[in-house]
Amino acid sequence: MGYMFTLGERIKDLRRTQDRSVRGFARDIERQPSFVVDIEAGNRLPGPETLTRIADVLGVPLSELQALDPRLPYEEREALRRAVADDWEALMLHLAGLEDWRLERLRKAAAALDAAIGEILGRRS
């Protein structure tokens, strides 16, 4: 298995790949440049609204960034990571081994994610 980015490292990698400056990216997500630098260095974590803006500006699925968020319990991060990796067989095996309360929590998170994506797509129409 290869190296796993931290959330801040992935954001920095995506920003650099798109040739975005810290200042320009900060403006696009409506935050201060120092906030972006702190996120990329792993000194701060963006809140849900900011993470959604970051994903939207960088053009990546929110779930890709959420899968790297250390605030999520391991089980939820692992389920998101597998879904993002399109490893559905491994995801189903992983989910089958979880307790009912964890599955219910994942279902609620998936519903919230679906609603957020619907809202973003609705704004683009």
N, C-alpha and C. Protein backbone atom coordinates (compact mmCIF):
# COMPACT_ATOMS: atom_id res chain seq x y z
N MET A 1 0.85 -1.18 0.00
CA MET A 1 0.00 0.00 0.00
C MET A 1 0.89 1.24 0.00
N GLY A 2 0.53 2.25 -0.81
CA GLY A 2 1.32 3.46 -0.94
C GLY A 2 1.10 4.41 0.22
N TYR A 3 1.80 5.52 0.14
CA TYR A 3 1.71 6.56 1.15
C TYR A 3 0.33 7.19 1.15
N MET A 4 -0.25 7.39 2.32
CA MET A 4 -1.54 8.05 2.45
C MET A 4 -1.30 9.51 2.82
N PHE A 5 -1.85 10.41 2.03
CA PHE A 5 -1.79 11.84 2.34
C PHE A 5 -2.54 12.13 3.62
N THR A 6 -2.11 13.17 4.33
CA THR A 6 -2.97 13.76 5.36
C THR A 6 -3.93 14.68 4.62
N LEU A 7 -4.95 15.15 5.31
CA LEU A 7 -5.92 16.06 4.69
C LEU A 7 -5.21 17.31 4.17
N GLY A 8 -4.38 17.92 4.99
CA GLY A 8 -3.67 19.14 4.58
C GLY A 8 -2.73 18.90 3.40
N GLU A 9 -2.04 17.78 3.42
CA GLU A 9 -1.12 17.46 2.32
C GLU A 9 -1.89 17.27 1.01
N ARG A 10 -3.05 16.62 1.09
CA ARG A 10 -3.85 16.40 -0.12
C ARG A 10 -4.36 17.72 -0.69
N ILE A 11 -4.83 18.60 0.19
CA ILE A 11 -5.30 19.91 -0.25
C ILE A 11 -4.15 20.68 -0.91
N LYS A 12 -2.99 20.66 -0.29
CA LYS A 12 -1.82 21.36 -0.84
C LYS A 12 -1.43 20.76 -2.19
N ASP A 13 -1.43 19.44 -2.29
CA ASP A 13 -1.09 18.77 -3.54
C ASP A 13 -2.07 19.16 -4.65
N LEU A 14 -3.36 19.14 -4.36
CA LEU A 14 -4.36 19.51 -5.35
C LEU A 14 -4.20 20.98 -5.76
N ARG A 15 -3.99 21.84 -4.78
CA ARG A 15 -3.82 23.27 -5.06
C ARG A 15 -2.62 23.51 -5.97
N ARG A 16 -1.51 22.88 -5.64
CA ARG A 16 -0.29 23.05 -6.44
C ARG A 16 -0.44 22.47 -7.84
N THR A 17 -1.08 21.31 -7.94
CA THR A 17 -1.30 20.67 -9.24
C THR A 17 -2.09 21.59 -10.16
N GLN A 18 -2.98 22.38 -9.58
CA GLN A 18 -3.80 23.31 -10.35
C GLN A 18 -3.15 24.69 -10.48
N ASP A 19 -1.88 24.79 -10.07
CA ASP A 19 -1.13 26.06 -10.13
C ASP A 19 -1.86 27.21 -9.45
N ARG A 20 -2.44 26.93 -8.30
CA ARG A 20 -3.13 27.97 -7.52
C ARG A 20 -2.18 28.48 -6.44
N SER A 21 -2.13 29.76 -6.29
CA SER A 21 -1.34 30.35 -5.20
C SER A 21 -2.13 30.21 -3.90
N VAL A 22 -1.43 30.29 -2.78
CA VAL A 22 -2.09 30.25 -1.48
C VAL A 22 -3.07 31.42 -1.39
N ARG A 23 -2.63 32.59 -1.80
CA ARG A 23 -3.47 33.79 -1.70
C ARG A 23 -4.74 33.67 -2.56
N GLY A 24 -4.57 33.21 -3.81
CA GLY A 24 -5.72 33.05 -4.69
C GLY A 24 -6.68 31.98 -4.21
N PHE A 25 -6.13 30.88 -3.73
CA PHE A 25 -6.95 29.79 -3.22
C PHE A 25 -7.72 30.25 -1.98
N ALA A 26 -7.04 30.98 -1.10
CA ALA A 26 -7.68 31.50 0.12
C ALA A 26 -8.86 32.41 -0.26
N ARG A 27 -8.65 33.25 -1.25
CA ARG A 27 -9.72 34.14 -1.71
C ARG A 27 -10.90 33.31 -2.23
N ASP A 28 -10.60 32.26 -3.01
CA ASP A 28 -11.66 31.43 -3.59
C ASP A 28 -12.48 30.69 -2.55
N ILE A 29 -11.86 30.32 -1.43
CA ILE A 29 -12.61 29.62 -0.38
C ILE A 29 -13.05 30.57 0.74
N GLU A 30 -12.80 31.87 0.51
CA GLU A 30 -13.24 32.92 1.44
C GLU A 30 -12.62 32.78 2.82
N ARG A 31 -11.32 32.55 2.84
CA ARG A 31 -10.55 32.46 4.08
C ARG A 31 -9.25 33.24 3.92
N GLN A 32 -8.55 33.46 5.01
CA GLN A 32 -7.27 34.15 5.00
C GLN A 32 -6.16 33.20 4.53
N PRO A 33 -5.12 33.72 3.85
CA PRO A 33 -4.01 32.86 3.44
C PRO A 33 -3.36 32.11 4.60
N SER A 34 -3.27 32.75 5.76
CA SER A 34 -2.66 32.08 6.92
C SER A 34 -3.47 30.85 7.33
N PHE A 35 -4.78 30.89 7.14
CA PHE A 35 -5.64 29.76 7.45
C PHE A 35 -5.32 28.59 6.52
N VAL A 36 -5.14 28.89 5.22
CA VAL A 36 -4.79 27.86 4.24
C VAL A 36 -3.44 27.23 4.60
N VAL A 37 -2.46 28.07 4.93
CA VAL A 37 -1.13 27.58 5.30
C VAL A 37 -1.23 26.65 6.51
N ASP A 38 -2.03 27.04 7.49
CA ASP A 38 -2.20 26.21 8.69
C ASP A 38 -2.87 24.87 8.37
N ILE A 39 -3.86 24.88 7.48
CA ILE A 39 -4.53 23.63 7.08
C ILE A 39 -3.52 22.72 6.39
N GLU A 40 -2.80 23.28 5.43
CA GLU A 40 -1.86 22.47 4.64
C GLU A 40 -0.72 21.92 5.51
N ALA A 41 -0.36 22.64 6.55
CA ALA A 41 0.70 22.19 7.46
C ALA A 41 0.18 21.19 8.50
N GLY A 42 -1.13 21.03 8.55
CA GLY A 42 -1.72 20.11 9.53
C GLY A 42 -1.91 20.73 10.90
N ASN A 43 -1.82 22.05 10.98
CA ASN A 43 -1.99 22.74 12.27
C ASN A 43 -3.44 23.07 12.58
N ARG A 44 -4.30 23.06 11.55
CA ARG A 44 -5.73 23.33 11.71
C ARG A 44 -6.50 22.38 10.80
N LEU A 45 -7.75 22.18 11.14
CA LEU A 45 -8.65 21.39 10.29
C LEU A 45 -9.82 22.27 9.88
N PRO A 46 -10.19 22.23 8.61
CA PRO A 46 -11.32 23.04 8.18
C PRO A 46 -12.63 22.47 8.70
N GLY A 47 -13.58 23.36 8.99
CA GLY A 47 -14.91 22.94 9.39
C GLY A 47 -15.66 22.37 8.19
N PRO A 48 -16.84 21.81 8.41
CA PRO A 48 -17.59 21.19 7.32
C PRO A 48 -17.89 22.12 6.15
N GLU A 49 -18.29 23.37 6.44
CA GLU A 49 -18.61 24.31 5.36
C GLU A 49 -17.35 24.65 4.55
N THR A 50 -16.25 24.88 5.25
CA THR A 50 -15.01 25.21 4.56
C THR A 50 -14.51 24.02 3.76
N LEU A 51 -14.61 22.82 4.31
CA LEU A 51 -14.17 21.63 3.60
C LEU A 51 -15.00 21.44 2.32
N THR A 52 -16.29 21.73 2.40
CA THR A 52 -17.16 21.66 1.22
C THR A 52 -16.72 22.67 0.17
N ARG A 53 -16.41 23.90 0.61
CA ARG A 53 -15.92 24.93 -0.33
C ARG A 53 -14.60 24.52 -0.96
N ILE A 54 -13.71 23.95 -0.14
CA ILE A 54 -12.41 23.50 -0.66
C ILE A 54 -12.61 22.45 -1.74
N ALA A 55 -13.45 21.46 -1.46
CA ALA A 55 -13.70 20.39 -2.44
C ALA A 55 -14.29 20.98 -3.71
N ASP A 56 -15.23 21.91 -3.57
CA ASP A 56 -15.88 22.52 -4.72
C ASP A 56 -14.87 23.30 -5.56
N VAL A 57 -14.05 24.12 -4.91
CA VAL A 57 -13.06 24.94 -5.62
C VAL A 57 -12.01 24.06 -6.30
N LEU A 58 -11.60 22.99 -5.64
CA LEU A 58 -10.57 22.10 -6.21
C LEU A 58 -11.16 21.09 -7.20
N GLY A 59 -12.49 21.01 -7.25
CA GLY A 59 -13.13 20.11 -8.21
C GLY A 59 -12.98 18.64 -7.88
N VAL A 60 -12.98 18.33 -6.57
CA VAL A 60 -12.89 16.93 -6.15
C VAL A 60 -14.13 16.59 -5.32
N PRO A 61 -14.49 15.31 -5.27
CA PRO A 61 -15.62 14.93 -4.42
C PRO A 61 -15.33 15.23 -2.95
N LEU A 62 -16.31 15.74 -2.25
CA LEU A 62 -16.16 16.01 -0.83
C LEU A 62 -15.72 14.76 -0.08
N SER A 63 -16.24 13.61 -0.50
CA SER A 63 -15.91 12.34 0.18
C SER A 63 -14.42 12.04 0.12
N GLU A 64 -13.75 12.49 -0.94
CA GLU A 64 -12.30 12.26 -1.05
C GLU A 64 -11.55 12.98 0.08
N LEU A 65 -11.98 14.19 0.39
CA LEU A 65 -11.33 14.93 1.48
C LEU A 65 -11.81 14.43 2.84
N GLN A 66 -13.08 14.11 2.94
CA GLN A 66 -13.60 13.59 4.21
C GLN A 66 -12.91 12.29 4.60
N ALA A 67 -12.52 11.49 3.62
CA ALA A 67 -11.85 10.22 3.90
C ALA A 67 -10.50 10.44 4.58
N LEU A 68 -9.97 11.65 4.49
CA LEU A 68 -8.68 11.96 5.12
C LEU A 68 -8.84 12.75 6.42
N ASP A 69 -10.06 13.04 6.80
CA ASP A 69 -10.32 13.86 7.98
C ASP A 69 -10.12 13.03 9.25
N PRO A 70 -9.11 13.37 10.06
CA PRO A 70 -8.83 12.55 11.25
C PRO A 70 -9.89 12.66 12.33
N ARG A 71 -10.83 13.59 12.19
CA ARG A 71 -11.89 13.72 13.19
C ARG A 71 -12.94 12.63 13.05
N LEU A 72 -13.01 12.00 11.87
CA LEU A 72 -13.95 10.89 11.69
C LEU A 72 -13.40 9.64 12.35
N PRO A 73 -14.27 8.83 12.94
CA PRO A 73 -13.80 7.56 13.48
C PRO A 73 -13.18 6.70 12.38
N TYR A 74 -12.25 5.84 12.76
CA TYR A 74 -11.54 5.02 11.80
C TYR A 74 -12.48 4.27 10.86
N GLU A 75 -13.55 3.70 11.39
CA GLU A 75 -14.47 2.91 10.58
C GLU A 75 -15.08 3.75 9.46
N GLU A 76 -15.45 5.00 9.78
CA GLU A 76 -16.06 5.87 8.77
C GLU A 76 -15.01 6.31 7.74
N ARG A 77 -13.82 6.64 8.20
CA ARG A 77 -12.75 7.02 7.26
C ARG A 77 -12.43 5.87 6.32
N GLU A 78 -12.35 4.66 6.88
CA GLU A 78 -12.02 3.49 6.07
C GLU A 78 -13.12 3.21 5.04
N ALA A 79 -14.37 3.35 5.42
CA ALA A 79 -15.47 3.14 4.47
C ALA A 79 -15.41 4.18 3.36
N LEU A 80 -15.16 5.44 3.70
CA LEU A 80 -15.05 6.49 2.68
C LEU A 80 -13.84 6.24 1.78
N ARG A 81 -12.72 5.85 2.38
CA ARG A 81 -11.51 5.60 1.59
C ARG A 81 -11.76 4.51 0.55
N ARG A 82 -12.42 3.44 0.98
CA ARG A 82 -12.70 2.34 0.07
C ARG A 82 -13.69 2.74 -1.01
N ALA A 83 -14.69 3.53 -0.64
CA ALA A 83 -15.67 4.00 -1.63
C ALA A 83 -14.99 4.90 -2.65
N VAL A 84 -14.12 5.79 -2.19
CA VAL A 84 -13.39 6.68 -3.10
C VAL A 84 -12.48 5.87 -4.01
N ALA A 85 -11.88 4.82 -3.47
CA ALA A 85 -10.97 3.98 -4.25
C ALA A 85 -11.74 3.06 -5.20
N ASP A 86 -13.07 3.09 -5.11
CA ASP A 86 -13.92 2.25 -5.95
C ASP A 86 -13.67 0.76 -5.69
N ASP A 87 -13.30 0.43 -4.46
CA ASP A 87 -13.07 -0.95 -4.08
C ASP A 87 -14.34 -1.45 -3.40
N TRP A 88 -15.40 -1.64 -4.19
CA TRP A 88 -16.71 -1.95 -3.64
C TRP A 88 -16.76 -3.29 -2.94
N GLU A 89 -16.05 -4.27 -3.44
CA GLU A 89 -16.07 -5.59 -2.80
C GLU A 89 -15.48 -5.50 -1.38
N ALA A 90 -14.35 -4.83 -1.26
CA ALA A 90 -13.74 -4.66 0.06
C ALA A 90 -14.62 -3.80 0.96
N LEU A 91 -15.27 -2.79 0.38
CA LEU A 91 -16.17 -1.94 1.16
C LEU A 91 -17.33 -2.76 1.72
N MET A 92 -17.93 -3.60 0.90
CA MET A 92 -19.06 -4.41 1.36
C MET A 92 -18.64 -5.38 2.47
N LEU A 93 -17.47 -5.98 2.33
CA LEU A 93 -16.97 -6.87 3.38
C LEU A 93 -16.73 -6.10 4.67
N HIS A 94 -16.17 -4.91 4.54
CA HIS A 94 -15.91 -4.08 5.72
C HIS A 94 -17.22 -3.70 6.40
N LEU A 95 -18.19 -3.24 5.61
CA LEU A 95 -19.47 -2.82 6.18
C LEU A 95 -20.20 -3.98 6.84
N ALA A 96 -20.13 -5.16 6.25
CA ALA A 96 -20.82 -6.32 6.79
C ALA A 96 -20.33 -6.67 8.20
N GLY A 97 -19.10 -6.29 8.51
CA GLY A 97 -18.54 -6.59 9.82
C GLY A 97 -18.80 -5.55 10.89
N LEU A 98 -19.46 -4.46 10.52
CA LEU A 98 -19.71 -3.37 11.48
C LEU A 98 -20.98 -3.62 12.28
N GLU A 99 -20.99 -3.05 13.49
CA GLU A 99 -22.17 -3.14 14.33
C GLU A 99 -23.29 -2.28 13.73
N ASP A 100 -24.54 -2.59 14.09
CA ASP A 100 -25.69 -1.86 13.54
C ASP A 100 -25.61 -0.36 13.79
N TRP A 101 -25.18 0.05 14.98
CA TRP A 101 -25.14 1.48 15.29
C TRP A 101 -24.14 2.21 14.40
N ARG A 102 -23.03 1.53 14.06
CA ARG A 102 -22.05 2.16 13.17
C ARG A 102 -22.61 2.26 11.75
N LEU A 103 -23.33 1.23 11.31
CA LEU A 103 -23.95 1.27 9.99
C LEU A 103 -24.98 2.39 9.91
N GLU A 104 -25.76 2.56 10.97
CA GLU A 104 -26.76 3.63 10.99
C GLU A 104 -26.08 5.01 10.94
N ARG A 105 -24.99 5.14 11.64
CA ARG A 105 -24.24 6.40 11.62
C ARG A 105 -23.68 6.68 10.22
N LEU A 106 -23.18 5.65 9.56
CA LEU A 106 -22.69 5.80 8.19
C LEU A 106 -23.83 6.17 7.23
N ARG A 107 -25.00 5.56 7.43
CA ARG A 107 -26.13 5.87 6.57
C ARG A 107 -26.52 7.34 6.70
N LYS A 108 -26.52 7.85 7.93
CA LYS A 108 -26.84 9.26 8.14
C LYS A 108 -25.79 10.17 7.50
N ALA A 109 -24.52 9.79 7.62
CA ALA A 109 -23.45 10.58 7.00
C ALA A 109 -23.59 10.55 5.48
N ALA A 110 -23.93 9.41 4.92
CA ALA A 110 -24.11 9.30 3.47
C ALA A 110 -25.29 10.14 3.01
N ALA A 111 -26.36 10.17 3.79
CA ALA A 111 -27.52 10.98 3.43
C ALA A 111 -27.16 12.47 3.46
N ALA A 112 -26.38 12.88 4.46
CA ALA A 112 -25.94 14.27 4.54
C ALA A 112 -25.04 14.62 3.36
N LEU A 113 -24.16 13.70 3.00
CA LEU A 113 -23.27 13.90 1.86
C LEU A 113 -24.08 14.01 0.57
N ASP A 114 -25.07 13.14 0.42
CA ASP A 114 -25.92 13.17 -0.76
C ASP A 114 -26.66 14.51 -0.84
N ALA A 115 -27.16 15.00 0.27
CA ALA A 115 -27.87 16.28 0.29
C ALA A 115 -26.93 17.43 -0.06
N ALA A 116 -25.70 17.39 0.45
CA ALA A 116 -24.73 18.44 0.16
C ALA A 116 -24.38 18.45 -1.32
N ILE A 117 -24.18 17.28 -1.90
CA ILE A 117 -23.87 17.19 -3.33
C ILE A 117 -25.05 17.70 -4.15
N GLY A 118 -26.26 17.33 -3.76
CA GLY A 118 -27.45 17.81 -4.46
C GLY A 118 -27.55 19.33 -4.42
N GLU A 119 -27.23 19.91 -3.27
CA GLU A 119 -27.26 21.36 -3.13
C GLU A 119 -26.21 22.02 -4.03
N ILE A 120 -25.02 21.47 -4.06
CA ILE A 120 -23.95 22.02 -4.91
C ILE A 120 -24.34 21.92 -6.38
N LEU A 121 -24.84 20.77 -6.78
CA LEU A 121 -25.23 20.59 -8.18
C LEU A 121 -26.40 21.52 -8.53
N GLY A 122 -27.30 21.73 -7.58
CA GLY A 122 -28.43 22.64 -7.81
C GLY A 122 -27.98 24.07 -8.03
N ARG A 123 -26.92 24.48 -7.31
CA ARG A 123 -26.37 25.84 -7.48
C ARG A 123 -25.71 25.99 -8.85
N ARG A 124 -25.19 24.89 -9.38
CA ARG A 124 -24.48 24.96 -10.67
C ARG A 124 -25.45 24.98 -11.85
N SER A 125 -26.69 24.57 -11.61
CA SER A 125 -27.65 24.50 -12.72
C SER A 125 -28.15 25.86 -13.12
